[in-house]
């Protein structure tokens, strides 16, 4: 089930790329619909024990490390890529 920001985010470790094996694994795709907000969607990989935890960790990591405006952002665990390792898409609405 997708997780939409704002939510209570978990604490972010000092080096989430190492601790959570967090990484961007796809190019950002920008969509410019005729109606509504434009969106940017990027695929990430991250360690977590569940899909819900993976979604929260991606939101926390991006919010902490990149200080992006995540209002109206949605993280969706796409699939489990390995034991306790998930691929999560992050869709952010806004002007790009």
Protein backbone atom coordinates (compact mmCIF):
# COMPACT_ATOMS: atom_id res chain seq x y z
CA UNK A 1 0.00 0.00 0.00
CA UNK A 2 1.58 3.34 -0.95
CA UNK A 3 2.72 5.75 1.75
CA UNK A 4 1.91 9.44 1.20
CA UNK A 5 3.88 12.25 2.82
CA UNK A 6 3.49 13.78 5.38
CA UNK A 7 3.85 10.88 7.78
CA UNK A 8 5.97 10.26 10.85
CA UNK A 9 9.34 9.23 9.45
CA UNK A 10 11.88 6.91 11.06
CA UNK A 11 15.23 8.30 12.22
CA UNK A 12 17.82 8.39 9.46
CA UNK A 13 21.23 6.84 10.17
CA UNK A 14 24.36 8.93 9.60
CA UNK A 15 25.05 7.11 6.33
CA UNK A 16 21.81 5.67 4.93
CA UNK A 17 23.53 4.64 1.69
CA UNK A 18 25.68 2.21 3.70
CA UNK A 19 23.39 1.29 6.61
CA UNK A 20 20.23 0.79 4.52
CA UNK A 21 22.02 0.06 1.22
CA UNK A 22 19.94 2.94 -0.14
CA UNK A 23 20.51 3.84 -3.75
CA UNK A 24 18.83 5.36 -6.74
CA UNK A 25 18.46 2.70 -9.41
CA UNK A 26 16.48 4.45 -12.13
CA UNK A 27 16.29 7.69 -14.05
CA UNK A 28 13.66 10.21 -13.05
CA UNK A 29 10.64 10.23 -15.34
CA UNK A 30 8.83 13.57 -15.61
CA UNK A 31 5.16 13.59 -16.57
CA UNK A 32 3.43 16.80 -17.67
CA UNK A 33 -0.32 16.06 -17.81
CA UNK A 34 -2.77 18.42 -19.50
CA UNK A 35 -4.69 18.67 -16.21
CA UNK A 36 -3.32 18.50 -12.67
CA UNK A 37 0.17 18.63 -11.25
CA UNK A 38 3.30 17.53 -13.11
CA UNK A 39 5.07 14.62 -11.43
CA UNK A 40 8.56 13.15 -11.18
CA UNK A 41 8.97 9.44 -10.46
CA UNK A 42 12.26 7.77 -9.50
CA UNK A 43 13.05 4.16 -8.54
CA UNK A 44 15.16 3.45 -5.44
CA UNK A 45 16.47 0.33 -3.69
CA UNK A 46 16.63 0.08 0.10
CA UNK A 47 16.92 -2.50 2.88
CA UNK A 48 13.83 -2.99 5.07
CA UNK A 49 11.97 -5.82 6.76
CA UNK A 50 8.64 -4.98 5.07
CA UNK A 51 7.23 -3.01 2.16
CA UNK A 52 5.77 -0.40 4.55
CA UNK A 53 9.14 0.09 6.24
CA UNK A 54 10.84 0.39 2.82
CA UNK A 55 8.42 3.15 1.78
CA UNK A 56 8.99 5.08 5.02
CA UNK A 57 12.77 4.70 4.77
CA UNK A 58 12.85 6.08 1.22
CA UNK A 59 10.77 9.09 2.27
CA UNK A 60 12.98 9.65 5.34
CA UNK A 61 16.21 9.28 3.34
CA UNK A 62 15.17 11.70 0.59
CA UNK A 63 13.74 14.20 3.07
CA UNK A 64 16.92 14.09 5.19
CA UNK A 65 19.67 13.77 2.59
CA UNK A 66 18.30 15.86 -0.24
CA UNK A 67 15.93 18.22 1.59
CA UNK A 68 13.44 17.92 -1.28
CA UNK A 69 9.93 19.26 -0.82
CA UNK A 70 8.02 16.02 -0.37
CA UNK A 71 4.55 17.49 0.10
CA UNK A 72 2.15 15.27 -1.85
CA UNK A 73 4.91 12.69 -2.47
CA UNK A 74 4.03 9.00 -2.57
CA UNK A 75 6.40 6.07 -2.02
CA UNK A 76 5.29 2.69 -3.35
CA UNK A 77 7.14 -0.59 -2.74
CA UNK A 78 7.19 -2.12 -6.22
CA UNK A 79 8.63 -5.52 -5.29
CA UNK A 80 10.98 -7.34 -2.97
CA UNK A 81 14.33 -7.49 -4.76
CA UNK A 82 15.97 -9.87 -2.28
CA UNK A 83 15.83 -10.83 1.38
CA UNK A 84 14.90 -7.62 3.22
CA UNK A 85 15.71 -5.53 0.13
CA UNK A 86 13.03 -3.59 -1.76
CA UNK A 87 12.58 -1.52 -4.90
CA UNK A 88 10.49 1.57 -4.14
CA UNK A 89 9.19 4.19 -6.56
CA UNK A 90 8.94 7.76 -5.30
CA UNK A 91 6.46 10.03 -7.06
CA UNK A 92 6.70 13.73 -6.28
CA UNK A 93 4.17 16.30 -7.51
CA UNK A 94 5.29 19.83 -8.30
CA UNK A 95 6.80 22.16 -10.88
CA UNK A 96 9.79 20.67 -12.70
